[in-house]
Amino acid sequence: MTGVQTCALPILAVVRVDASEVRGVTREFGAGAIVRQHDDGSAEFEVPCSNHYAFRLWLFAMVDKAVVVSPPEVRDLVTGWLDELAEVK
């Protein structure tokens, strides 16, 4: 990847995080980043995403413990990254 890619809008993504990761994500982004808590212990956070490289590293580090909920543009971006990874195999 050459350079840092950024997106004009949006600058925040809503990411649902598995209960096992909620404590760490809360420490990283603060309790104010929580936009919704679920009965199963998972939570949705507003996470900065304007730096694609940093967002991708953060998101993929959680493997299957995090899912981008919105906005659709960011979900599409993540889907594209996953498609690229699938093609490499």
C-alpha atoms as a PDB file:
ATOM      1  CA  MET A   1       0.000   0.000   0.000  1.00  0.00           C
ATOM      2  CA  THR A   2       1.451   3.344  -0.965  1.00  0.00           C
ATOM      3  CA  GLY A   3       0.603   6.333   1.202  1.00  0.00           C
ATOM      4  CA  VAL A   4      -2.249   6.674   3.638  1.00  0.00           C
ATOM      5  CA  GLN A   5      -5.724   6.584   2.160  1.00  0.00           C
ATOM      6  CA  THR A   6      -8.369   8.705   3.775  1.00  0.00           C
ATOM      7  CA  CYS A   7     -12.084   9.079   3.204  1.00  0.00           C
ATOM      8  CA  ALA A   8     -13.707  12.494   2.957  1.00  0.00           C
ATOM      9  CA  LEU A   9     -16.888  11.362   4.721  1.00  0.00           C
ATOM     10  CA  PRO A  10     -17.744   9.721   6.995  1.00  0.00           C
ATOM     11  CA  ILE A  11     -15.057  10.075   9.615  1.00  0.00           C
ATOM     12  CA  LEU A  12     -16.708   7.641  12.048  1.00  0.00           C
ATOM     13  CA  ALA A  13     -17.866   4.071  11.598  1.00  0.00           C
ATOM     14  CA  VAL A  14     -20.198   2.189  13.901  1.00  0.00           C
ATOM     15  CA  VAL A  15     -18.567  -1.132  14.777  1.00  0.00           C
ATOM     16  CA  ARG A  16     -20.230  -3.902  16.778  1.00  0.00           C
ATOM     17  CA  VAL A  17     -17.689  -5.530  19.051  1.00  0.00           C
ATOM     18  CA  ASP A  18     -17.991  -8.942  20.690  1.00  0.00           C
ATOM     19  CA  ALA A  19     -18.418  -8.996  24.472  1.00  0.00           C
ATOM     20  CA  SER A  20     -14.903 -10.400  24.881  1.00  0.00           C
ATOM     21  CA  GLU A  21     -13.424  -7.237  23.313  1.00  0.00           C
ATOM     22  CA  VAL A  22     -15.707  -4.547  24.784  1.00  0.00           C
ATOM     23  CA  ARG A  23     -13.504  -3.756  27.771  1.00  0.00           C
ATOM     24  CA  GLY A  24     -10.394  -3.209  25.626  1.00  0.00           C
ATOM     25  CA  VAL A  25     -12.218  -1.117  23.025  1.00  0.00           C
ATOM     26  CA  THR A  26     -13.765   0.986  25.795  1.00  0.00           C
ATOM     27  CA  ARG A  27     -10.275   1.600  27.200  1.00  0.00           C
ATOM     28  CA  GLU A  28      -9.025   2.549  23.740  1.00  0.00           C
ATOM     29  CA  PHE A  29     -11.845   4.893  22.647  1.00  0.00           C
ATOM     30  CA  GLY A  30     -13.569   5.764  25.929  1.00  0.00           C
ATOM     31  CA  ALA A  31     -17.057   5.032  27.233  1.00  0.00           C
ATOM     32  CA  GLY A  32     -18.357   7.997  25.237  1.00  0.00           C
ATOM     33  CA  ALA A  33     -17.712   6.042  22.031  1.00  0.00           C
ATOM     34  CA  ILE A  34     -20.345   3.435  22.987  1.00  0.00           C
ATOM     35  CA  VAL A  35     -23.531   4.076  21.025  1.00  0.00           C
ATOM     36  CA  ARG A  36     -25.412   0.910  21.954  1.00  0.00           C
ATOM     37  CA  GLN A  37     -25.045  -2.000  24.340  1.00  0.00           C
ATOM     38  CA  HIS A  38     -26.589  -5.410  23.613  1.00  0.00           C
ATOM     39  CA  ASP A  39     -28.002  -8.010  25.986  1.00  0.00           C
ATOM     40  CA  ASP A  40     -25.296 -10.505  24.949  1.00  0.00           C
ATOM     41  CA  GLY A  41     -22.575  -8.164  26.259  1.00  0.00           C
ATOM     42  CA  SER A  42     -21.503  -6.892  22.853  1.00  0.00           C
ATOM     43  CA  ALA A  43     -21.537  -3.166  22.133  1.00  0.00           C
ATOM     44  CA  GLU A  44     -21.513  -0.783  19.198  1.00  0.00           C
ATOM     45  CA  PHE A  45     -18.839   1.911  19.134  1.00  0.00           C
ATOM     46  CA  GLU A  46     -18.233   4.977  17.017  1.00  0.00           C
ATOM     47  CA  VAL A  47     -14.698   4.471  15.741  1.00  0.00           C
ATOM     48  CA  PRO A  48     -12.610   6.892  13.671  1.00  0.00           C
ATOM     49  CA  CYS A  49     -12.135   5.570  10.132  1.00  0.00           C
ATOM     50  CA  SER A  50     -10.736   8.463   8.103  1.00  0.00           C
ATOM     51  CA  ASN A  51      -7.278   6.840   8.128  1.00  0.00           C
ATOM     52  CA  HIS A  52      -8.031   3.656   6.163  1.00  0.00           C
ATOM     53  CA  TYR A  53      -4.746   1.995   7.018  1.00  0.00           C
ATOM     54  CA  ALA A  54      -5.082   2.479  10.777  1.00  0.00           C
ATOM     55  CA  PHE A  55      -8.772   1.527  10.743  1.00  0.00           C
ATOM     56  CA  ARG A  56      -8.068  -1.632   8.759  1.00  0.00           C
ATOM     57  CA  LEU A  57      -5.273  -2.703  11.140  1.00  0.00           C
ATOM     58  CA  TRP A  58      -7.468  -2.072  14.164  1.00  0.00           C
ATOM     59  CA  LEU A  59     -10.503  -3.851  12.704  1.00  0.00           C
ATOM     60  CA  PHE A  60      -8.679  -6.885  11.314  1.00  0.00           C
ATOM     61  CA  ALA A  61      -6.746  -7.354  14.568  1.00  0.00           C
ATOM     62  CA  MET A  62     -10.048  -8.430  16.123  1.00  0.00           C
ATOM     63  CA  VAL A  63     -10.562 -11.058  13.401  1.00  0.00           C
ATOM     64  CA  ASP A  64     -14.192 -12.179  13.819  1.00  0.00           C
ATOM     65  CA  LYS A  65     -14.891 -10.191  17.004  1.00  0.00           C
ATOM     66  CA  ALA A  66     -15.890  -6.955  15.236  1.00  0.00           C
ATOM     67  CA  VAL A  67     -18.329  -6.079  12.444  1.00  0.00           C
ATOM     68  CA  VAL A  68     -18.830  -2.725  10.745  1.00  0.00           C
ATOM     69  CA  VAL A  69     -22.513  -1.851  11.149  1.00  0.00           C
ATOM     70  CA  SER A  70     -22.559   1.480   9.335  1.00  0.00           C
ATOM     71  CA  PRO A  71     -22.265   3.591   7.298  1.00  0.00           C
ATOM     72  CA  PRO A  72     -22.680   1.591   4.070  1.00  0.00           C
ATOM     73  CA  GLU A  73     -19.652   3.268   2.479  1.00  0.00           C
ATOM     74  CA  VAL A  74     -17.375   1.911   5.192  1.00  0.00           C
ATOM     75  CA  ARG A  75     -18.984  -1.545   5.049  1.00  0.00           C
ATOM     76  CA  ASP A  76     -18.336  -1.537   1.288  1.00  0.00           C
ATOM     77  CA  LEU A  77     -14.726  -0.509   1.887  1.00  0.00           C
ATOM     78  CA  VAL A  78     -14.199  -3.398   4.315  1.00  0.00           C
ATOM     79  CA  THR A  79     -15.886  -5.833   1.919  1.00  0.00           C
ATOM     80  CA  GLY A  80     -13.478  -4.673  -0.787  1.00  0.00           C
ATOM     81  CA  TRP A  81     -10.498  -5.300   1.492  1.00  0.00           C
ATOM     82  CA  LEU A  82     -11.754  -8.792   2.286  1.00  0.00           C
ATOM     83  CA  ASP A  83     -12.318  -9.519  -1.413  1.00  0.00           C
ATOM     84  CA  GLU A  84      -8.734  -8.431  -2.124  1.00  0.00           C
ATOM     85  CA  LEU A  85      -7.437 -10.761   0.574  1.00  0.00           C
ATOM     86  CA  ALA A  86      -9.492 -13.653  -0.808  1.00  0.00           C
ATOM     87  CA  GLU A  87      -8.010 -13.084  -4.282  1.00  0.00           C
ATOM     88  CA  VAL A  88      -4.459 -13.255  -2.934  1.00  0.00           C
ATOM     89  CA  LYS A  89      -4.942 -16.851  -1.824  1.00  0.00           C
END
